N, C-alpha and C. Protein backbone atom coordinates (compact mmCIF):
# COMPACT_ATOMS: atom_id res chain seq x y z
N UNK A 1 1.07 -1.35 -0.46
CA UNK A 1 0.22 0.09 -0.17
C UNK A 1 1.18 1.34 -0.23
N UNK A 2 0.63 2.19 -0.82
CA UNK A 2 1.36 3.13 -0.84
C UNK A 2 0.95 4.34 0.72
N UNK A 3 2.03 4.77 1.04
CA UNK A 3 2.12 5.68 2.07
C UNK A 3 1.54 7.15 1.61
N UNK A 4 1.04 7.50 2.40
CA UNK A 4 0.16 9.02 2.66
C UNK A 4 1.47 10.07 2.76
N UNK A 5 1.39 10.95 1.86
CA UNK A 5 2.30 11.65 1.86
C UNK A 5 2.49 12.93 2.84
N UNK A 6 1.07 13.05 3.40
CA UNK A 6 0.77 14.34 4.29
C UNK A 6 -0.23 14.07 5.15
N UNK A 7 0.02 14.48 6.54
CA UNK A 7 -1.14 14.46 7.33
C UNK A 7 -2.33 14.79 6.89
N UNK A 8 -3.20 13.90 7.44
CA UNK A 8 -4.73 14.47 7.40
C UNK A 8 -5.43 15.62 8.19
N UNK A 9 -6.13 16.51 6.93
CA UNK A 9 -6.37 17.86 7.28
C UNK A 9 -7.50 17.77 8.43
N UNK A 10 -8.27 16.89 8.67
CA UNK A 10 -9.75 16.96 8.81
C UNK A 10 -10.28 15.42 9.26
N UNK A 11 -11.22 15.12 10.00
CA UNK A 11 -11.72 13.73 10.13
C UNK A 11 -12.37 13.19 8.38
N UNK A 12 -12.73 14.15 7.56
CA UNK A 12 -13.78 13.89 6.65
C UNK A 12 -12.16 13.34 5.37
N UNK A 13 -11.20 13.88 5.67
CA UNK A 13 -10.01 13.77 4.76
C UNK A 13 -10.00 12.37 5.03
N UNK A 14 -9.40 12.01 6.55
CA UNK A 14 -9.16 10.65 6.94
C UNK A 14 -10.15 9.54 6.22
N UNK A 15 -10.99 9.82 6.69
CA UNK A 15 -12.50 9.19 6.17
C UNK A 15 -12.39 8.72 4.92
N UNK A 16 -12.30 9.59 3.96
CA UNK A 16 -12.37 9.38 2.79
C UNK A 16 -11.19 8.38 1.97
N UNK A 17 -9.79 8.87 2.74
CA UNK A 17 -8.93 8.26 2.43
C UNK A 17 -9.36 6.55 2.55
N UNK A 18 -9.97 6.31 3.63
CA UNK A 18 -10.32 5.12 3.67
C UNK A 18 -11.72 4.19 2.96
N UNK A 19 -12.64 4.95 2.47
CA UNK A 19 -13.81 4.80 2.02
C UNK A 19 -13.86 5.12 0.37
N UNK A 20 -12.92 6.09 -0.10
CA UNK A 20 -12.83 7.08 -1.45
C UNK A 20 -12.91 5.94 -2.37
N UNK A 21 -13.42 6.68 -3.47
CA UNK A 21 -13.59 5.72 -5.05
C UNK A 21 -14.90 5.14 -5.06
N UNK A 22 -15.30 4.87 -6.22
CA UNK A 22 -16.38 4.12 -6.39
C UNK A 22 -16.97 3.26 -6.00
N UNK A 23 -15.85 2.05 -5.48
CA UNK A 23 -16.42 0.49 -5.09
C UNK A 23 -16.56 0.24 -3.70
N UNK A 24 -15.58 0.58 -2.80
CA UNK A 24 -15.51 0.74 -1.59
C UNK A 24 -16.62 0.75 -0.85
N UNK A 25 -17.40 1.87 -0.79
CA UNK A 25 -18.81 2.31 -0.04
C UNK A 25 -19.68 0.60 -0.46
N UNK A 26 -19.74 0.66 -1.99
CA UNK A 26 -20.56 -0.58 -2.61
C UNK A 26 -20.40 -2.06 -1.91
N UNK A 27 -19.13 -1.99 -1.63
CA UNK A 27 -18.72 -3.14 -0.97
C UNK A 27 -18.87 -3.13 0.38
N UNK A 28 -18.83 -2.59 1.28
CA UNK A 28 -18.60 -2.21 2.97
C UNK A 28 -20.44 -2.21 2.74
N UNK A 29 -21.26 -2.08 1.81
CA UNK A 29 -23.03 -2.28 1.80
C UNK A 29 -23.22 -3.63 1.59
N UNK A 30 -22.61 -4.10 0.71
CA UNK A 30 -22.82 -5.53 0.13
C UNK A 30 -22.59 -6.51 1.69
N UNK A 31 -21.27 -6.13 2.27
CA UNK A 31 -20.79 -6.74 3.38
C UNK A 31 -22.03 -6.85 4.85
N UNK A 32 -22.83 -5.40 4.76
CA UNK A 32 -23.57 -4.95 5.72
C UNK A 32 -24.51 -6.23 6.03
N UNK A 33 -24.77 -7.06 5.00
CA UNK A 33 -26.02 -8.08 5.23
C UNK A 33 -25.16 -9.39 5.68
N UNK A 34 -24.06 -9.35 5.83
CA UNK A 34 -23.30 -10.42 6.36
C UNK A 34 -21.98 -11.09 5.55
N UNK A 35 -21.29 -12.19 6.11
CA UNK A 35 -20.17 -12.62 5.45
C UNK A 35 -20.57 -13.17 4.28
N UNK A 36 -19.69 -12.46 3.27
CA UNK A 36 -19.72 -12.76 1.73
C UNK A 36 -18.51 -13.56 1.05
N UNK A 37 -18.78 -14.93 0.30
CA UNK A 37 -17.63 -15.12 -0.50
C UNK A 37 -17.27 -14.28 -1.71
N UNK A 38 -16.48 -14.49 -2.36
CA UNK A 38 -15.57 -13.29 -3.56
C UNK A 38 -16.92 -13.55 -4.76
N UNK A 39 -17.34 -14.35 -4.99
CA UNK A 39 -18.35 -14.44 -6.10
C UNK A 39 -19.61 -13.76 -5.78
N UNK A 40 -19.94 -13.96 -4.27
CA UNK A 40 -21.56 -13.44 -3.91
C UNK A 40 -20.71 -11.99 -3.68
N UNK A 41 -19.86 -11.11 -3.54
CA UNK A 41 -19.75 -10.11 -3.52
C UNK A 41 -19.55 -9.30 -5.05
N UNK A 42 -18.88 -10.14 -5.79
CA UNK A 42 -19.02 -9.73 -7.31
C UNK A 42 -20.10 -9.71 -8.13
N UNK A 43 -21.00 -10.39 -7.60
CA UNK A 43 -22.82 -10.61 -7.92
C UNK A 43 -23.47 -8.97 -7.38
N UNK A 44 -22.93 -8.87 -5.84
CA UNK A 44 -23.72 -7.76 -5.27
C UNK A 44 -23.32 -6.27 -5.96
N UNK A 45 -22.26 -5.94 -6.24
CA UNK A 45 -21.48 -4.98 -6.76
C UNK A 45 -21.40 -4.86 -8.20
N UNK A 46 -22.63 -5.01 -8.95
CA UNK A 46 -22.55 -4.99 -10.26
C UNK A 46 -21.67 -4.12 -10.84
N UNK A 47 -20.91 -4.47 -12.03
CA UNK A 47 -19.83 -3.28 -12.64
C UNK A 47 -18.53 -3.79 -12.38
N UNK A 48 -18.43 -4.04 -11.26
CA UNK A 48 -17.18 -4.04 -10.56
C UNK A 48 -16.23 -5.29 -11.49
N UNK A 49 -15.23 -4.86 -12.01
CA UNK A 49 -14.10 -5.86 -12.70
C UNK A 49 -13.80 -6.69 -11.55
N UNK A 50 -13.16 -8.17 -11.67
CA UNK A 50 -12.64 -9.08 -10.72
C UNK A 50 -11.31 -8.16 -10.27
N UNK A 51 -10.33 -7.43 -10.99
CA UNK A 51 -9.17 -6.78 -10.66
C UNK A 51 -9.43 -5.85 -9.82
N UNK A 52 -10.54 -4.88 -9.88
CA UNK A 52 -10.88 -3.86 -9.31
C UNK A 52 -11.36 -4.67 -8.12
N UNK A 53 -12.00 -5.63 -7.90
CA UNK A 53 -12.67 -5.91 -6.21
C UNK A 53 -11.59 -6.34 -5.59
N UNK A 54 -10.33 -7.38 -5.99
CA UNK A 54 -9.78 -7.62 -5.31
C UNK A 54 -8.94 -6.61 -5.01
N UNK A 55 -8.74 -5.50 -5.50
CA UNK A 55 -8.07 -4.50 -5.00
C UNK A 55 -8.27 -3.50 -3.94
N UNK A 56 -9.42 -3.57 -4.22
CA UNK A 56 -10.27 -2.78 -3.17
C UNK A 56 -10.38 -3.72 -1.93
N UNK A 57 -10.77 -5.02 -1.94
CA UNK A 57 -10.73 -5.71 -0.71
C UNK A 57 -9.37 -5.42 0.07
N UNK A 58 -8.25 -6.12 -0.83
CA UNK A 58 -6.91 -5.84 -0.16
C UNK A 58 -6.85 -4.63 0.44
N UNK A 59 -7.42 -3.26 0.00
CA UNK A 59 -7.27 -2.25 0.73
C UNK A 59 -7.89 -2.01 1.80
N UNK A 60 -8.93 -2.59 1.95
CA UNK A 60 -10.43 -2.43 3.01
C UNK A 60 -9.60 -3.11 4.03
N UNK A 61 -9.03 -4.48 3.47
CA UNK A 61 -8.28 -5.49 4.68
C UNK A 61 -7.16 -4.86 5.50
N UNK A 62 -6.46 -4.27 4.72
CA UNK A 62 -5.25 -3.25 5.12
C UNK A 62 -5.83 -2.35 5.78
N UNK A 63 -6.56 -1.55 5.69
CA UNK A 63 -7.10 -0.24 6.68
C UNK A 63 -7.90 -1.04 7.75
N UNK A 64 -7.79 -2.49 8.03
CA UNK A 64 -8.84 -2.45 9.07
C UNK A 64 -10.29 -2.94 9.13
N UNK A 65 -10.87 -2.62 8.09
CA UNK A 65 -12.15 -2.60 7.75
C UNK A 65 -13.04 -3.87 7.61
N UNK A 66 -12.00 -4.66 6.61
CA UNK A 66 -12.89 -6.02 6.65
C UNK A 66 -11.98 -6.79 6.81
N UNK A 67 -12.43 -8.11 7.09
CA UNK A 67 -11.52 -9.59 7.84
C UNK A 67 -11.83 -10.36 6.62
N UNK A 68 -10.50 -10.86 6.18
CA UNK A 68 -10.57 -11.75 5.41
C UNK A 68 -10.39 -13.32 5.87
N UNK A 69 -10.88 -14.32 5.65
CA UNK A 69 -10.93 -15.41 6.30
C UNK A 69 -10.76 -16.76 5.33
N UNK A 70 -9.53 -17.32 4.97
CA UNK A 70 -9.33 -18.12 4.47
C UNK A 70 -9.13 -19.66 4.94
N UNK A 71 -10.09 -20.18 4.10
CA UNK A 71 -10.50 -21.69 4.90
C UNK A 71 -9.27 -22.93 3.93
N UNK A 72 -8.75 -23.80 4.81
CA UNK A 72 -7.74 -24.68 4.27
C UNK A 72 -8.34 -25.76 3.85
N UNK A 73 -8.79 -25.69 2.56
CA UNK A 73 -9.43 -26.87 2.02
C UNK A 73 -9.88 -26.86 0.47
N UNK A 74 -10.04 -27.81 -0.10
CA UNK A 74 -9.97 -27.92 -1.94
C UNK A 74 -11.41 -27.99 -2.07
N UNK A 75 -11.70 -27.27 -3.29
CA UNK A 75 -11.18 -25.64 -3.76
C UNK A 75 -11.10 -25.01 -2.56
N UNK A 76 -9.73 -24.04 -2.64
CA UNK A 76 -9.87 -23.09 -1.27
C UNK A 76 -11.21 -22.25 -1.51
N UNK A 77 -11.63 -21.80 -0.33
CA UNK A 77 -12.63 -20.76 0.12
C UNK A 77 -12.36 -19.89 1.17
N UNK A 78 -12.65 -18.77 0.83
CA UNK A 78 -12.37 -17.37 1.03
C UNK A 78 -13.51 -16.65 1.30
N UNK A 79 -13.85 -15.97 2.59
CA UNK A 79 -15.08 -15.09 3.20
C UNK A 79 -14.38 -14.12 3.62
N UNK A 80 -15.38 -12.95 3.30
CA UNK A 80 -14.86 -11.55 3.75
C UNK A 80 -15.97 -11.29 4.61
N UNK A 81 -16.05 -10.57 5.97
CA UNK A 81 -16.75 -9.71 6.62
C UNK A 81 -16.29 -8.31 7.44
N UNK A 82 -17.33 -7.60 7.77
CA UNK A 82 -17.00 -6.73 8.37
C UNK A 82 -16.13 -6.60 9.56
N UNK A 83 -14.92 -5.85 9.96
CA UNK A 83 -14.61 -5.90 11.45
C UNK A 83 -15.67 -4.82 12.11
N UNK A 84 -15.25 -4.72 13.47
CA UNK A 84 -16.17 -3.98 14.38
C UNK A 84 -15.60 -2.62 13.62
N UNK A 85 -14.53 -1.93 13.48
CA UNK A 85 -14.36 -0.78 12.41
C UNK A 85 -15.09 -0.25 11.30
N UNK A 86 -15.49 -1.59 10.61
CA UNK A 86 -16.25 -1.47 9.46
C UNK A 86 -17.54 -1.36 9.35
N UNK A 87 -18.14 -2.10 10.71
CA UNK A 87 -19.52 -1.97 11.19
C UNK A 87 -19.74 -0.58 11.39
N UNK A 88 -18.66 0.18 12.35
CA UNK A 88 -19.25 1.51 12.60
C UNK A 88 -18.87 2.40 11.44
N UNK A 89 -17.95 1.69 10.40
CA UNK A 89 -18.02 2.85 9.20
C UNK A 89 -19.09 2.90 8.14
N UNK A 90 -19.99 1.68 8.44
CA UNK A 90 -21.27 1.50 7.36
C UNK A 90 -22.12 2.18 8.39
N UNK A 91 -22.35 2.24 9.77
CA UNK A 91 -23.24 3.21 10.25
C UNK A 91 -23.14 4.73 9.92
N UNK A 92 -21.72 4.94 9.85
CA UNK A 92 -21.45 6.31 9.44
C UNK A 92 -21.71 6.72 7.92
N UNK A 93 -22.06 5.92 7.21
CA UNK A 93 -22.43 5.82 5.84
C UNK A 93 -23.83 5.84 5.44
N UNK A 94 -24.64 5.33 6.33
CA UNK A 94 -26.05 5.25 6.42
C UNK A 94 -26.76 6.53 6.00
N UNK A 95 -26.09 7.43 6.80
CA UNK A 95 -26.55 8.88 6.72
C UNK A 95 -26.31 9.46 5.41
N UNK A 96 -25.22 8.94 4.73
CA UNK A 96 -24.85 9.25 3.11
C UNK A 96 -25.53 8.86 2.18
N UNK A 97 -25.99 7.76 2.21
CA UNK A 97 -26.93 6.81 1.71
C UNK A 97 -28.48 7.29 1.62
N UNK A 98 -28.65 7.62 3.04
CA UNK A 98 -29.91 8.35 2.80
C UNK A 98 -30.22 9.61 2.19
N UNK A 99 -29.40 10.41 2.64
CA UNK A 99 -29.03 11.71 2.01
C UNK A 99 -29.10 11.36 0.11
N UNK A 100 -28.34 10.54 -0.52
CA UNK A 100 -28.96 10.42 -1.87
C UNK A 100 -29.78 9.68 -2.19
N UNK A 101 -30.33 9.12 -1.25
CA UNK A 101 -32.04 8.84 -1.80
C UNK A 101 -32.74 9.60 -1.95
N UNK A 102 -32.94 10.37 -0.98
CA UNK A 102 -33.76 11.59 -0.92
C UNK A 102 -33.62 12.61 -1.87
N UNK A 103 -32.53 12.71 -2.34
CA UNK A 103 -32.01 13.69 -3.42
C UNK A 103 -31.34 12.78 -4.80
N UNK A 104 -31.98 11.95 -4.73
CA UNK A 104 -31.65 11.01 -6.33
C UNK A 104 -32.29 11.69 -7.67
N UNK A 105 -33.39 12.21 -7.45
CA UNK A 105 -33.87 12.61 -8.51
C UNK A 105 -33.33 14.26 -9.08
N UNK A 106 -33.02 15.02 -8.50
CA UNK A 106 -32.08 15.83 -8.29
C UNK A 106 -30.92 15.50 -8.46
N UNK A 107 -30.22 14.88 -8.02
CA UNK A 107 -28.84 14.40 -8.61
C UNK A 107 -29.00 13.53 -10.24
N UNK A 108 -29.46 12.72 -10.46
CA UNK A 108 -29.87 12.00 -11.81
C UNK A 108 -29.93 13.22 -12.86
N UNK A 109 -30.82 14.21 -12.64
CA UNK A 109 -31.48 15.54 -13.30
C UNK A 109 -30.22 15.98 -13.59
N UNK A 110 -29.15 16.61 -12.90
CA UNK A 110 -28.18 17.22 -12.76
C UNK A 110 -27.07 16.68 -13.94
N UNK A 111 -26.74 15.27 -13.35
CA UNK A 111 -26.02 14.36 -13.81
C UNK A 111 -26.44 14.02 -15.49
N UNK A 112 -27.78 14.42 -16.10
CA UNK A 112 -28.05 14.03 -17.14
C UNK A 112 -28.32 12.23 -17.32
N UNK A 113 -28.74 11.77 -16.21
CA UNK A 113 -28.99 10.09 -16.31
C UNK A 113 -30.40 9.83 -15.84
N UNK A 114 -30.85 8.63 -15.87
CA UNK A 114 -32.37 8.63 -15.69
C UNK A 114 -32.08 7.73 -14.20
N UNK A 115 -33.43 8.38 -13.74
CA UNK A 115 -33.51 7.90 -12.00
C UNK A 115 -34.14 6.71 -11.90
N UNK A 116 -33.70 6.21 -11.27
CA UNK A 116 -34.11 4.45 -11.11
C UNK A 116 -35.63 4.42 -10.86
N UNK A 117 -36.09 3.49 -11.42
CA UNK A 117 -37.39 3.23 -10.77
C UNK A 117 -37.73 2.33 -9.84
N UNK A 118 -38.11 2.53 -8.77
CA UNK A 118 -38.68 2.06 -7.61
C UNK A 118 -39.87 1.46 -7.54
């Protein structure tokens, strides 16, 4: 993992360093329902490539947000789950998700994309 060159300027800066990017928050959301295997995560995070999912999982594990359990069996079995730190991060992301849901129509309009039908 790349070392950070400067100290964090605030708590948001530190939090975004852990969860920043397109896929990490979606991976955390997928893990909020419980332990998942790699293939299950790939299905729960549509659009993510296998390479990117592996990279993001490694970074989240390095940051102590998820736990990777490898079972010594053939074929190999690997499961991912949230750590206590990951659970608390997901709780913080719930508010952001609620804001996104409440403002999705506006966000889609200004981005020029079609709003999802619920």
